[in-house]
């Protein structure tokens, strides 16, 4: 399987080096700081971190530092309840939940709710991720 973003040769987990460079991890972030509570068999979409780790997303997924969130991101720039990904009849959307440092889609601040393209750079606080709307079998995450 190729890079989840562009189909190129994976070099950083599930990403090629070029796609991984677009979402380089922020200072102090380690792979263990990002974790999905959604089982990969229930994935409706994927979020890929700068380490190339693939994290399953269900039809509704809260993102934040709170351990009740479906996608837990342990970085000081991420609010406890930072944002929410939601699948609607029209497609995917992300909603900022009043976070301190904002939610950005392809470099543009998203407030309060913004439709997501099938592939987008999603940034919560200082943490950049790829959002991939296709529900595929669990991608390889060689680190």
N, C-alpha and C. Protein backbone atom coordinates (compact mmCIF):
# COMPACT_ATOMS: atom_id res chain seq x y z
N UNK A 1 0.85 -1.18 0.00
CA UNK A 1 0.00 0.00 0.00
C UNK A 1 0.89 1.24 0.00
N UNK A 2 0.55 2.23 -0.79
CA UNK A 2 1.33 3.44 -0.90
C UNK A 2 0.95 4.46 0.16
N UNK A 3 1.55 5.62 0.07
CA UNK A 3 1.25 6.75 0.96
C UNK A 3 -0.26 7.01 0.93
N UNK A 4 -0.86 7.18 2.09
CA UNK A 4 -2.30 7.41 2.16
C UNK A 4 -2.73 8.72 1.54
N UNK A 5 -1.82 9.67 1.44
CA UNK A 5 -2.18 10.98 0.87
C UNK A 5 -2.00 11.04 -0.63
N UNK A 6 -0.87 10.55 -1.12
CA UNK A 6 -0.58 10.74 -2.54
C UNK A 6 -0.35 9.45 -3.31
N UNK A 7 -0.26 8.33 -2.60
CA UNK A 7 -0.03 7.06 -3.25
C UNK A 7 1.44 6.74 -3.49
N UNK A 8 2.33 7.67 -3.14
CA UNK A 8 3.77 7.46 -3.33
C UNK A 8 4.32 6.38 -2.41
N UNK A 9 5.62 6.17 -2.49
CA UNK A 9 6.28 5.17 -1.67
C UNK A 9 6.33 5.61 -0.21
N UNK A 10 5.75 4.82 0.70
CA UNK A 10 5.79 5.19 2.12
C UNK A 10 7.23 5.22 2.61
N UNK A 11 7.55 6.23 3.37
CA UNK A 11 8.88 6.34 3.95
C UNK A 11 8.82 6.70 5.43
N UNK A 12 7.66 7.21 5.86
CA UNK A 12 7.45 7.59 7.26
C UNK A 12 6.10 7.00 7.67
N UNK A 13 6.11 5.77 8.14
CA UNK A 13 4.87 5.10 8.49
C UNK A 13 3.97 4.96 7.27
N UNK A 14 2.73 5.46 7.37
CA UNK A 14 1.76 5.36 6.29
C UNK A 14 1.89 6.49 5.28
N UNK A 15 2.92 7.34 5.42
CA UNK A 15 3.11 8.50 4.54
C UNK A 15 4.43 8.43 3.78
N UNK A 16 4.47 9.10 2.62
CA UNK A 16 5.75 9.30 1.94
C UNK A 16 6.47 10.44 2.67
N UNK A 17 7.72 10.62 2.40
CA UNK A 17 8.48 11.67 3.09
C UNK A 17 7.95 13.07 2.80
N UNK A 18 7.49 13.31 1.59
CA UNK A 18 6.96 14.62 1.21
C UNK A 18 5.69 14.97 1.99
N UNK A 19 4.75 14.03 2.06
CA UNK A 19 3.50 14.27 2.79
C UNK A 19 3.76 14.39 4.29
N UNK A 20 4.70 13.59 4.81
CA UNK A 20 5.05 13.67 6.22
C UNK A 20 5.67 15.03 6.54
N UNK A 21 6.46 15.58 5.62
CA UNK A 21 7.11 16.88 5.85
C UNK A 21 6.08 18.00 5.98
N UNK A 22 4.91 17.83 5.37
CA UNK A 22 3.87 18.86 5.45
C UNK A 22 3.20 18.92 6.82
N UNK A 23 3.40 17.88 7.63
CA UNK A 23 2.78 17.85 8.96
C UNK A 23 3.81 17.45 10.02
N UNK A 24 4.99 18.02 9.93
CA UNK A 24 6.05 17.67 10.89
C UNK A 24 5.56 17.84 12.31
N UNK A 25 5.92 16.89 13.19
CA UNK A 25 5.50 16.98 14.59
C UNK A 25 6.03 18.25 15.26
N UNK A 26 5.22 18.84 16.14
CA UNK A 26 5.64 20.04 16.86
C UNK A 26 6.64 19.64 17.95
N UNK A 27 7.35 20.60 18.49
CA UNK A 27 8.35 20.36 19.53
C UNK A 27 7.73 19.64 20.73
N UNK A 28 8.41 18.62 21.20
CA UNK A 28 8.00 17.89 22.38
C UNK A 28 7.00 16.78 22.13
N UNK A 29 6.45 16.69 20.92
CA UNK A 29 5.47 15.65 20.63
C UNK A 29 6.18 14.35 20.30
N UNK A 30 5.71 13.26 20.87
CA UNK A 30 6.23 11.93 20.55
C UNK A 30 5.06 11.07 20.08
N UNK A 31 5.32 9.97 19.38
CA UNK A 31 4.22 9.17 18.84
C UNK A 31 3.18 8.75 19.88
N UNK A 32 3.62 8.47 21.08
CA UNK A 32 2.70 8.02 22.13
C UNK A 32 1.75 9.12 22.61
N UNK A 33 1.97 10.36 22.20
CA UNK A 33 1.10 11.47 22.60
C UNK A 33 -0.17 11.55 21.77
N UNK A 34 -0.29 10.72 20.73
CA UNK A 34 -1.49 10.73 19.88
C UNK A 34 -2.04 9.31 19.86
N UNK A 35 -3.32 9.20 20.23
CA UNK A 35 -3.92 7.87 20.35
C UNK A 35 -5.41 7.93 20.03
N UNK A 36 -5.88 6.96 19.28
CA UNK A 36 -7.31 6.86 18.98
C UNK A 36 -7.94 5.79 19.86
N UNK A 37 -9.12 6.10 20.37
CA UNK A 37 -9.87 5.12 21.15
C UNK A 37 -10.80 4.29 20.27
N UNK A 38 -10.83 4.58 18.96
CA UNK A 38 -11.69 3.86 18.02
C UNK A 38 -10.94 2.65 17.50
N UNK A 39 -11.58 1.50 17.51
CA UNK A 39 -10.98 0.29 16.96
C UNK A 39 -10.84 0.44 15.45
N UNK A 40 -9.75 -0.03 14.90
CA UNK A 40 -9.50 0.13 13.46
C UNK A 40 -10.57 -0.54 12.61
N UNK A 41 -11.23 -1.56 13.13
CA UNK A 41 -12.29 -2.21 12.36
C UNK A 41 -13.54 -1.34 12.26
N UNK A 42 -13.66 -0.33 13.12
CA UNK A 42 -14.80 0.59 13.10
C UNK A 42 -14.47 1.92 12.41
N UNK A 43 -13.30 1.99 11.76
CA UNK A 43 -12.86 3.24 11.13
C UNK A 43 -13.78 3.65 9.99
N UNK A 44 -14.18 4.91 10.02
CA UNK A 44 -14.93 5.50 8.91
C UNK A 44 -14.04 6.50 8.17
N UNK A 45 -12.94 6.87 8.81
CA UNK A 45 -11.94 7.77 8.23
C UNK A 45 -10.66 7.57 9.04
N UNK A 46 -9.60 8.23 8.58
CA UNK A 46 -8.31 8.11 9.27
C UNK A 46 -7.70 9.48 9.49
N UNK A 47 -6.97 9.60 10.58
CA UNK A 47 -6.14 10.78 10.85
C UNK A 47 -4.72 10.25 10.95
N UNK A 48 -3.80 10.86 10.21
CA UNK A 48 -2.41 10.42 10.18
C UNK A 48 -1.55 11.50 10.83
N UNK A 49 -0.71 11.10 11.79
CA UNK A 49 0.15 12.06 12.46
C UNK A 49 1.48 12.21 11.73
N UNK A 50 2.29 13.15 12.16
CA UNK A 50 3.57 13.45 11.52
C UNK A 50 4.59 12.35 11.65
N UNK A 51 4.33 11.37 12.49
CA UNK A 51 5.21 10.21 12.62
C UNK A 51 4.80 9.10 11.68
N UNK A 52 3.70 9.32 10.93
CA UNK A 52 3.19 8.32 10.01
C UNK A 52 2.22 7.35 10.65
N UNK A 53 1.83 7.61 11.90
CA UNK A 53 0.89 6.75 12.60
C UNK A 53 -0.54 7.02 12.15
N UNK A 54 -1.28 5.95 11.84
CA UNK A 54 -2.66 6.07 11.40
C UNK A 54 -3.60 5.84 12.58
N UNK A 55 -4.58 6.73 12.74
CA UNK A 55 -5.51 6.68 13.86
C UNK A 55 -6.94 6.64 13.32
N UNK A 56 -7.70 5.64 13.73
CA UNK A 56 -9.07 5.45 13.26
C UNK A 56 -9.98 6.55 13.81
N UNK A 57 -10.95 6.94 12.97
CA UNK A 57 -11.96 7.94 13.33
C UNK A 57 -13.33 7.33 13.02
N UNK A 58 -14.25 7.45 13.98
CA UNK A 58 -15.61 7.00 13.78
C UNK A 58 -16.44 8.12 13.17
N UNK A 59 -17.76 7.92 13.09
CA UNK A 59 -18.66 8.91 12.48
C UNK A 59 -18.66 10.23 13.23
N UNK A 60 -18.41 10.19 14.53
CA UNK A 60 -18.24 11.39 15.35
C UNK A 60 -17.02 11.16 16.21
N UNK A 61 -16.08 12.10 16.18
CA UNK A 61 -14.84 11.93 16.94
C UNK A 61 -14.42 13.24 17.56
N UNK A 62 -14.41 13.28 18.88
CA UNK A 62 -13.87 14.43 19.60
C UNK A 62 -12.36 14.36 19.59
N UNK A 63 -11.72 15.51 19.47
CA UNK A 63 -10.26 15.61 19.47
C UNK A 63 -9.86 16.51 20.63
N UNK A 64 -8.93 16.07 21.45
CA UNK A 64 -8.46 16.92 22.54
C UNK A 64 -7.56 16.16 23.50
N UNK A 65 -7.17 16.86 24.57
CA UNK A 65 -6.31 16.25 25.60
C UNK A 65 -7.09 15.37 26.55
N UNK A 66 -8.39 15.59 26.66
CA UNK A 66 -9.23 14.83 27.57
C UNK A 66 -9.25 13.36 27.15
N UNK A 67 -9.10 12.47 28.11
CA UNK A 67 -9.06 11.04 27.80
C UNK A 67 -10.43 10.48 27.42
N UNK A 68 -11.48 11.30 27.47
CA UNK A 68 -12.79 10.90 26.99
C UNK A 68 -12.94 11.14 25.49
N UNK A 69 -12.02 11.88 24.90
CA UNK A 69 -12.06 12.14 23.45
C UNK A 69 -11.76 10.86 22.68
N UNK A 70 -12.27 10.78 21.46
CA UNK A 70 -11.97 9.62 20.62
C UNK A 70 -10.56 9.68 20.06
N UNK A 71 -10.06 10.89 19.78
CA UNK A 71 -8.68 11.07 19.34
C UNK A 71 -7.99 11.94 20.39
N UNK A 72 -7.14 11.32 21.17
CA UNK A 72 -6.44 11.99 22.26
C UNK A 72 -5.12 12.53 21.73
N UNK A 73 -4.91 13.84 21.92
CA UNK A 73 -3.68 14.49 21.47
C UNK A 73 -3.10 15.21 22.68
N UNK A 74 -2.02 14.66 23.23
CA UNK A 74 -1.42 15.19 24.45
C UNK A 74 -0.35 16.22 24.11
N UNK A 75 -0.79 17.42 23.81
CA UNK A 75 0.11 18.54 23.54
C UNK A 75 -0.48 19.76 24.24
N UNK A 76 0.37 20.60 24.81
CA UNK A 76 -0.12 21.74 25.59
C UNK A 76 -0.91 22.74 24.74
N UNK A 77 -0.70 22.78 23.44
CA UNK A 77 -1.42 23.72 22.58
C UNK A 77 -2.82 23.22 22.21
N UNK A 78 -3.13 21.98 22.57
CA UNK A 78 -4.42 21.37 22.28
C UNK A 78 -5.30 21.47 23.52
N UNK A 79 -6.52 21.99 23.34
CA UNK A 79 -7.46 22.12 24.45
C UNK A 79 -7.98 20.76 24.87
N UNK A 80 -8.54 20.69 26.08
CA UNK A 80 -9.09 19.42 26.57
C UNK A 80 -10.16 18.89 25.62
N UNK A 81 -11.07 19.74 25.20
CA UNK A 81 -12.10 19.43 24.21
C UNK A 81 -11.85 20.41 23.06
N UNK A 82 -11.01 20.07 22.12
CA UNK A 82 -10.52 21.01 21.12
C UNK A 82 -11.44 21.13 19.90
N UNK A 83 -11.76 20.00 19.29
CA UNK A 83 -12.53 20.01 18.03
C UNK A 83 -13.31 18.71 17.91
N UNK A 84 -14.21 18.70 16.94
CA UNK A 84 -15.00 17.49 16.68
C UNK A 84 -15.07 17.24 15.19
N UNK A 85 -14.78 16.01 14.78
CA UNK A 85 -14.97 15.56 13.41
C UNK A 85 -16.33 14.88 13.36
N UNK A 86 -17.10 15.16 12.30
CA UNK A 86 -18.43 14.56 12.19
C UNK A 86 -18.73 14.24 10.74
N UNK A 87 -19.23 13.04 10.53
CA UNK A 87 -19.67 12.64 9.19
C UNK A 87 -21.15 13.00 9.07
N UNK A 88 -21.49 13.74 8.04
CA UNK A 88 -22.87 14.15 7.80
C UNK A 88 -23.31 13.60 6.45
N UNK A 89 -24.56 13.83 6.09
CA UNK A 89 -25.04 13.39 4.78
C UNK A 89 -24.27 14.08 3.66
N UNK A 90 -23.82 15.30 3.92
CA UNK A 90 -23.09 16.07 2.91
C UNK A 90 -21.59 15.75 2.88
N UNK A 91 -21.11 14.97 3.82
CA UNK A 91 -19.68 14.66 3.89
C UNK A 91 -19.15 14.92 5.29
N UNK A 92 -17.87 15.10 5.40
CA UNK A 92 -17.23 15.32 6.70
C UNK A 92 -17.14 16.81 7.02
N UNK A 93 -17.19 17.11 8.32
CA UNK A 93 -17.02 18.49 8.78
C UNK A 93 -16.21 18.46 10.07
N UNK A 94 -15.53 19.57 10.33
CA UNK A 94 -14.82 19.73 11.59
C UNK A 94 -15.37 20.98 12.27
N UNK A 95 -15.55 20.88 13.58
CA UNK A 95 -16.07 22.01 14.35
C UNK A 95 -15.11 22.30 15.50
N UNK A 96 -14.65 23.52 15.57
CA UNK A 96 -13.82 23.94 16.70
C UNK A 96 -14.75 24.09 17.90
N UNK A 97 -14.31 23.61 19.05
CA UNK A 97 -15.15 23.64 20.25
C UNK A 97 -14.75 24.77 21.19
N UNK A 98 -14.36 25.91 20.62
CA UNK A 98 -13.94 27.04 21.44
C UNK A 98 -12.53 26.90 21.96
N UNK A 99 -11.68 26.23 21.20
CA UNK A 99 -10.31 25.99 21.63
C UNK A 99 -9.52 27.29 21.75
N UNK A 100 -8.50 27.25 22.57
CA UNK A 100 -7.63 28.41 22.79
C UNK A 100 -6.77 28.72 21.55
N UNK A 101 -6.26 27.68 20.87
CA UNK A 101 -5.31 27.88 19.79
C UNK A 101 -5.85 27.59 18.40
N UNK A 102 -7.13 27.31 18.29
CA UNK A 102 -7.77 27.18 16.99
C UNK A 102 -7.61 25.85 16.29
N UNK A 103 -8.45 25.69 15.28
CA UNK A 103 -8.45 24.52 14.40
C UNK A 103 -8.32 25.04 12.98
N UNK A 104 -7.39 24.49 12.22
CA UNK A 104 -7.09 24.97 10.88
C UNK A 104 -7.26 23.83 9.88
N UNK A 105 -7.83 24.16 8.73
CA UNK A 105 -8.02 23.22 7.64
C UNK A 105 -7.25 23.76 6.44
N UNK A 106 -6.23 23.02 6.00
CA UNK A 106 -5.37 23.45 4.89
C UNK A 106 -4.88 24.88 5.08
N UNK A 107 -4.52 25.23 6.32
CA UNK A 107 -3.95 26.53 6.64
C UNK A 107 -4.93 27.63 6.95
N UNK A 108 -6.24 27.36 6.85
CA UNK A 108 -7.26 28.38 7.08
C UNK A 108 -7.99 28.05 8.38
N UNK A 109 -8.10 29.06 9.25
CA UNK A 109 -8.78 28.84 10.52
C UNK A 109 -10.25 28.50 10.28
N UNK A 110 -10.71 27.44 10.90
CA UNK A 110 -12.08 26.98 10.73
C UNK A 110 -12.94 27.31 11.93
N UNK A 111 -13.91 28.17 11.74
CA UNK A 111 -14.84 28.51 12.82
C UNK A 111 -16.22 28.68 12.26
N UNK A 112 -17.26 28.31 12.92
CA UNK A 112 -17.24 27.28 13.97
C UNK A 112 -17.24 25.87 13.39
N UNK A 113 -17.90 25.65 12.25
CA UNK A 113 -17.92 24.34 11.62
C UNK A 113 -17.60 24.50 10.14
N UNK A 114 -16.71 23.66 9.63
CA UNK A 114 -16.24 23.78 8.26
C UNK A 114 -16.27 22.41 7.58
N UNK A 115 -16.79 22.35 6.34
CA UNK A 115 -16.74 21.07 5.61
C UNK A 115 -15.28 20.68 5.35
N UNK A 116 -15.02 19.39 5.38
CA UNK A 116 -13.68 18.88 5.13
C UNK A 116 -13.64 18.21 3.76
N UNK A 117 -12.60 18.51 2.98
CA UNK A 117 -12.41 17.74 1.75
C UNK A 117 -12.03 16.30 2.11
N UNK A 118 -12.02 15.41 1.15
CA UNK A 118 -11.70 14.00 1.43
C UNK A 118 -10.27 13.81 1.91
N UNK A 119 -9.42 14.76 1.63
CA UNK A 119 -8.03 14.75 2.12
C UNK A 119 -7.68 16.18 2.51
N UNK A 120 -7.30 16.39 3.77
CA UNK A 120 -7.01 17.75 4.24
C UNK A 120 -5.95 17.73 5.32
N UNK A 121 -5.17 18.82 5.37
CA UNK A 121 -4.27 19.04 6.50
C UNK A 121 -5.10 19.67 7.61
N UNK A 122 -5.17 18.98 8.72
CA UNK A 122 -5.93 19.43 9.87
C UNK A 122 -4.94 19.78 10.96
N UNK A 123 -5.06 20.98 11.51
CA UNK A 123 -4.14 21.40 12.56
C UNK A 123 -4.96 21.78 13.79
N UNK A 124 -4.69 21.11 14.90
CA UNK A 124 -5.32 21.43 16.17
C UNK A 124 -4.22 21.97 17.08
N UNK A 125 -4.35 23.24 17.46
CA UNK A 125 -3.25 23.87 18.18
C UNK A 125 -2.01 23.84 17.31
N UNK A 126 -0.93 23.31 17.84
CA UNK A 126 0.33 23.21 17.09
C UNK A 126 0.53 21.84 16.44
N UNK A 127 -0.45 20.96 16.55
CA UNK A 127 -0.32 19.59 16.06
C UNK A 127 -0.98 19.46 14.69
N UNK A 128 -0.17 19.16 13.69
CA UNK A 128 -0.66 18.99 12.32
C UNK A 128 -0.90 17.52 12.03
N UNK A 129 -1.98 17.24 11.30
CA UNK A 129 -2.40 15.89 10.96
C UNK A 129 -2.94 15.87 9.55
N UNK A 130 -2.95 14.72 8.92
CA UNK A 130 -3.68 14.54 7.67
C UNK A 130 -5.01 13.91 8.01
N UNK A 131 -6.08 14.42 7.46
CA UNK A 131 -7.40 13.80 7.56
C UNK A 131 -7.66 13.10 6.23
N UNK A 132 -8.00 11.82 6.28
CA UNK A 132 -8.28 11.03 5.09
C UNK A 132 -9.69 10.46 5.25
N UNK A 133 -10.61 10.88 4.40
CA UNK A 133 -12.03 10.53 4.56
C UNK A 133 -12.36 9.10 4.15
N UNK A 134 -11.52 8.45 3.38
CA UNK A 134 -11.83 7.11 2.93
C UNK A 134 -11.65 6.10 4.06
N UNK A 135 -12.64 5.27 4.25
CA UNK A 135 -12.55 4.20 5.24
C UNK A 135 -11.93 2.99 4.56
N UNK A 136 -10.66 2.79 4.80
CA UNK A 136 -9.94 1.67 4.19
C UNK A 136 -9.50 0.71 5.28
N UNK A 137 -9.03 -0.44 4.89
CA UNK A 137 -8.48 -1.36 5.86
C UNK A 137 -7.34 -0.67 6.58
N UNK A 138 -7.01 -1.15 7.77
CA UNK A 138 -5.99 -0.49 8.58
C UNK A 138 -4.70 -0.30 7.78
N UNK A 139 -4.28 0.96 7.65
CA UNK A 139 -3.05 1.23 6.91
C UNK A 139 -1.82 0.78 7.70
N UNK A 140 -0.78 0.54 6.99
CA UNK A 140 0.49 0.19 7.62
C UNK A 140 1.05 1.43 8.30
N UNK A 141 1.63 1.24 9.48
CA UNK A 141 2.18 2.38 10.23
C UNK A 141 3.60 2.09 10.68
N UNK A 142 4.46 1.74 9.75
CA UNK A 142 5.87 1.50 10.11
C UNK A 142 6.46 2.80 10.60
N UNK A 143 7.08 2.76 11.77
CA UNK A 143 7.68 3.98 12.34
C UNK A 143 9.17 3.81 12.44
